[in-house]
Protein backbone atom coordinates (compact mmCIF):
# COMPACT_ATOMS: atom_id res chain seq x y z
CA MET A 1 0.00 0.00 0.00
CA SER A 2 1.38 3.39 -0.96
CA THR A 3 2.15 6.02 1.67
CA PRO A 4 -0.48 8.77 1.66
CA THR A 5 0.77 12.11 0.38
CA ALA A 6 -2.28 14.35 0.77
CA PRO A 7 -1.75 17.22 3.22
CA ILE A 8 -2.61 16.95 6.89
CA GLY A 9 -4.29 19.93 8.53
CA ILE A 10 -3.43 21.03 12.07
CA LEU A 11 -5.94 23.00 14.15
CA GLY A 12 -4.68 24.01 17.57
CA GLY A 13 -6.40 25.91 20.35
CA THR A 14 -7.55 25.75 23.93
CA PHE A 15 -10.99 24.44 22.84
CA ASP A 16 -12.47 25.75 26.08
CA PRO A 17 -14.95 24.49 24.92
CA VAL A 18 -14.82 23.26 21.32
CA HIS A 19 -17.78 24.60 19.31
CA PHE A 20 -19.32 24.66 15.85
CA GLY A 21 -17.05 27.53 14.74
CA HIS A 22 -14.02 25.27 15.19
CA LEU A 23 -15.72 22.29 13.61
CA ARG A 24 -17.06 24.15 10.59
CA LEU A 25 -13.69 25.79 9.90
CA ALA A 26 -11.99 22.38 9.94
CA GLN A 27 -14.68 20.81 7.76
CA GLU A 28 -14.72 23.51 5.11
CA ILE A 29 -10.96 23.86 4.80
CA GLY A 30 -10.50 20.10 4.95
CA GLN A 31 -12.86 19.67 2.01
CA ALA A 32 -11.74 22.70 0.00
CA LEU A 33 -8.04 21.81 0.23
CA LYS A 34 -8.66 18.06 -0.07
CA LEU A 35 -6.83 17.37 3.17
CA ASP A 36 -6.28 13.76 4.18
CA GLU A 37 -7.01 14.57 7.82
CA VAL A 38 -7.54 17.50 10.19
CA ARG A 39 -5.93 16.99 13.59
CA PHE A 40 -7.33 18.93 16.54
CA ILE A 41 -4.53 19.61 19.03
CA PRO A 42 -5.77 21.02 22.37
CA SER A 43 -3.14 23.15 24.06
CA GLY A 44 -1.87 22.42 27.53
CA THR A 45 -0.25 25.68 28.68
CA PRO A 46 -0.77 28.28 25.92
CA PRO A 47 1.81 31.12 25.84
CA HIS A 48 -0.45 33.91 24.52
CA ARG A 49 -3.42 33.76 26.87
CA GLY A 50 -4.48 32.93 30.42
CA SER A 51 -4.96 29.40 31.65
CA PRO A 52 -8.05 27.64 30.27
CA GLN A 53 -10.97 27.36 32.66
CA ALA A 54 -11.62 23.67 31.96
CA SER A 55 -8.92 21.14 32.75
CA ALA A 56 -6.79 19.63 30.01
CA ALA A 57 -8.54 16.29 30.50
CA ASP A 58 -11.99 17.88 30.13
CA ARG A 59 -11.01 19.86 27.03
CA LEU A 60 -9.52 16.75 25.42
CA ALA A 61 -12.67 14.79 26.25
CA MET A 62 -14.91 17.49 24.74
CA VAL A 63 -12.92 17.53 21.48
CA SER A 64 -13.05 13.74 21.30
CA LEU A 65 -16.83 13.82 21.72
CA ALA A 66 -17.25 16.60 19.15
CA ILE A 67 -15.27 14.93 16.37
CA GLY A 68 -16.06 11.28 17.08
CA ASP A 69 -18.40 10.71 14.13
CA ASN A 70 -16.35 12.56 11.49
CA PRO A 71 -13.79 10.40 9.63
CA LEU A 72 -11.93 13.51 8.46
CA PHE A 73 -11.10 14.55 12.03
CA SER A 74 -8.75 13.21 14.68
CA VAL A 75 -7.49 14.46 18.03
CA ASP A 76 -3.85 14.65 19.13
CA ASP A 77 -3.02 15.04 22.83
CA ARG A 78 0.71 15.75 22.52
CA GLU A 79 0.54 19.33 23.81
CA ILE A 80 -1.46 18.27 26.85
CA ARG A 81 1.11 15.57 27.60
CA ARG A 82 4.04 17.94 27.10
CA ALA A 83 5.50 19.61 30.20
CA GLY A 84 5.84 23.39 30.18
CA THR A 85 4.54 26.01 27.77
CA ASP A 86 3.27 24.81 24.40
CA TYR A 87 4.78 26.40 21.31
CA THR A 88 3.40 25.62 17.88
CA VAL A 89 6.89 25.45 16.40
CA ASP A 90 7.75 22.56 18.75
CA THR A 91 4.56 20.69 17.82
CA LEU A 92 5.21 21.14 14.09
CA THR A 93 8.83 20.04 14.55
CA GLU A 94 7.62 16.80 16.14
CA LEU A 95 5.02 16.25 13.42
CA ARG A 96 7.52 16.89 10.65
CA ARG A 97 9.86 14.32 12.17
CA GLU A 98 7.01 11.79 12.39
CA LEU A 99 5.48 12.44 8.96
CA GLY A 100 8.71 12.81 7.00
CA ALA A 101 10.18 15.60 4.94
CA SER A 102 7.82 15.35 1.95
CA ARG A 103 4.34 15.14 3.54
CA PRO A 104 2.52 18.50 3.27
CA ILE A 105 1.39 19.93 6.62
CA CYS A 106 -1.12 22.79 6.80
CA LEU A 107 -1.38 24.95 9.92
CA LEU A 108 -4.96 26.26 10.00
CA LEU A 109 -5.40 29.74 11.48
CA GLY A 110 -8.11 32.35 11.72
CA ALA A 111 -7.23 35.77 10.32
CA ASP A 112 -6.84 37.29 13.81
CA ALA A 113 -4.41 34.58 14.84
CA PHE A 114 -2.43 35.06 11.64
CA LEU A 115 -2.11 38.79 12.33
CA ASP A 116 -0.41 37.92 15.63
CA LEU A 117 1.91 35.35 14.05
CA ALA A 118 5.00 37.55 14.29
CA THR A 119 4.66 37.45 18.12
CA TRP A 120 4.89 33.64 18.20
CA SER A 121 8.04 31.83 19.26
CA ARG A 122 10.45 31.26 16.32
CA TRP A 123 7.66 32.19 13.94
CA HIS A 124 9.84 32.26 10.82
CA GLU A 125 10.50 28.54 11.33
CA LEU A 126 6.80 27.77 10.97
CA PHE A 127 7.07 28.29 7.21
CA VAL A 128 9.93 25.78 7.02
CA LEU A 129 7.77 23.19 8.74
CA ALA A 130 4.30 23.79 7.25
CA HIS A 131 2.05 25.79 5.00
CA VAL A 132 -0.08 28.41 6.76
CA VAL A 133 -3.74 28.38 5.74
CA ILE A 134 -5.77 31.44 6.75
CA ALA A 135 -9.51 30.95 7.24
CA HIS A 136 -11.24 33.94 5.67
CA ARG A 137 -14.76 34.78 6.83
CA PRO A 138 -17.14 36.88 4.69
CA GLY A 139 -17.48 40.42 6.01
CA PHE A 140 -13.83 40.51 7.10
CA ALA A 141 -12.33 41.80 3.86
CA VAL A 142 -8.90 40.48 2.94
CA ASP A 143 -7.69 44.03 2.30
CA THR A 144 -8.71 44.98 5.84
CA TRP A 145 -6.54 42.46 7.61
CA GLN A 146 -3.73 42.77 5.08
CA ALA A 147 -3.46 46.44 6.04
CA ARG A 148 -3.07 45.45 9.70
CA MET A 149 -0.12 43.12 9.17
CA PRO A 150 3.17 44.14 10.80
CA GLN A 151 5.82 44.70 8.16
CA PRO A 152 7.85 41.49 8.77
CA LEU A 153 4.68 39.41 8.47
CA ALA A 154 3.44 41.35 5.43
CA LYS A 155 6.75 40.61 3.70
CA GLU A 156 6.40 36.88 4.32
CA TYR A 157 2.75 36.92 3.28
CA SER A 158 3.48 38.64 -0.03
CA ALA A 159 6.39 36.33 -0.84
CA ARG A 160 4.58 33.11 0.07
CA LEU A 161 0.95 33.69 -0.98
CA MET A 162 -0.44 30.93 -3.19
CA GLN A 163 -2.97 32.07 -5.78
CA GLN A 164 -4.44 28.57 -5.81
CA PRO A 165 -4.94 27.10 -2.31
CA LEU A 166 -4.71 23.54 -3.69
CA ALA A 167 -1.04 24.27 -4.36
CA VAL A 168 -0.47 23.07 -0.78
CA HIS A 169 -0.37 19.60 -2.37
CA LEU A 170 2.71 20.47 -4.41
CA ALA A 171 5.21 21.09 -1.59
CA ALA A 172 5.66 20.03 2.00
CA ALA A 173 5.73 23.54 3.47
CA GLY A 174 6.47 27.19 2.82
CA GLY A 175 3.26 28.60 1.37
CA VAL A 176 0.44 30.82 2.59
CA ALA A 177 -3.09 30.05 1.39
CA VAL A 178 -6.33 31.92 2.04
CA ALA A 179 -9.45 29.74 2.23
CA PRO A 180 -12.98 31.20 2.51
CA ILE A 181 -15.26 29.73 5.17
CA ALA A 182 -18.79 30.41 6.42
CA ALA A 183 -19.24 33.23 8.90
CA LEU A 184 -20.19 31.72 12.29
CA ASP A 185 -19.97 34.32 15.04
CA ILE A 186 -19.41 31.87 17.89
CA SER A 187 -16.78 32.12 20.59
CA ALA A 188 -15.81 29.97 23.54
CA THR A 189 -16.03 33.08 25.73
CA LEU A 190 -19.66 33.57 24.68
CA ILE A 191 -20.44 29.96 25.61
CA ARG A 192 -18.65 30.09 28.98
CA ASP A 193 -20.33 33.36 29.90
CA GLY A 194 -23.73 31.99 28.89
CA VAL A 195 -23.32 28.87 30.99
CA GLY A 196 -22.17 31.02 33.90
CA ARG A 197 -25.39 33.08 33.64
CA GLY A 198 -27.52 29.97 33.41
CA ALA A 199 -28.29 30.47 29.69
CA SER A 200 -28.27 27.49 27.35
CA PRO A 201 -25.56 27.41 24.66
CA ARG A 202 -27.50 24.79 22.71
CA TYR A 203 -26.98 25.05 18.91
CA LEU A 204 -23.58 26.72 19.44
CA LEU A 205 -21.80 23.42 20.04
CA PRO A 206 -22.55 19.70 19.67
CA ASP A 207 -25.10 18.21 22.05
CA SER A 208 -22.52 15.67 23.19
CA VAL A 209 -20.24 18.50 24.33
CA LEU A 210 -23.11 20.35 26.02
CA ASP A 211 -24.12 17.18 27.87
CA TYR A 212 -20.52 16.76 29.02
CA ILE A 213 -20.38 20.37 30.27
CA HIS A 214 -23.57 19.84 32.28
CA SER A 215 -22.46 16.45 33.64
CA LYS A 216 -19.14 17.88 34.86
CA GLY A 217 -20.53 21.23 36.04
CA LEU A 218 -18.06 23.12 33.85
CA TYR A 219 -18.06 26.92 33.69
CA VAL A 220 -20.84 27.35 36.29
CA GLN A 221 -18.33 28.47 38.91
CA ASP A 222 -18.17 31.89 37.26
CA ILE A 223 -21.62 32.90 38.46
CA ASN A 224 -21.20 31.27 41.87
CA GLU A 225 -17.99 33.19 42.56
CA THR A 226 -19.72 36.54 41.97
CA ARG A 227 -22.52 35.95 44.50
C-alpha cells in the first residue's frame, strides 16, 4: 500500500470548549483543500493567553466527543502531555519528524491569529515546517486584515501567498493560502459566559459536548464566585 501524500491539517487551540465555529472551519478547509485529515490539538499551557478554565482532561474529552463521528477529524493530545509552555513550532517540529520531509502539513489559522503570528516563538520557522492556511470569513475583507499586518509578516505573506490554495499539495511547506469559510460568530467566551449566567448554549456546540459540560458542572463556577 502506498504512503499517503495528501496534506494533513493542524488545528490548535484551547478548545475551552470546542464549538461549531471550530468544527465548521476544519470541515470547510478540509474539504476545499482536499486534506487527508484535520488533527485537533488542544493546548496544555498556551503562551499567549491565560490558563483555560476547563482542565486539560476535560477539554480533550470534549474535542473527542465533538469529532467522534467525522472520519476527516482526529485528536492529538501531545501538547497536553508535554510539560511546560506549548509552542506551535515545537509541535510542528515533532510532526515533521514523524510524517517525514515530503508530507505536506497545513497549519490552519483564523485571520486574527495570523495577524499575531510575528509574536509567536520562532515564527519564521513555521514556514519551514508547514504551509499556513488562513480561514477567511465573509465580512472581514482580505484588504482589511492585510493592512493590519506588521511589516515582517506582510513581507512573508506577499512572498509566500499561493494564488491557488490547492497548491499546498505540491510542496511540503512554505506557502500561505487563504481559504474562505462560512461566517459563524461563535466564541468559547460567549459559551462560557452563557453557561455562567444559566443560559443554554445549545446550537452553538454539539449536544454531546453540552451534555458533558452539564455532567461535569463546567463553567458554572463563574456565576457562583460573583454571588
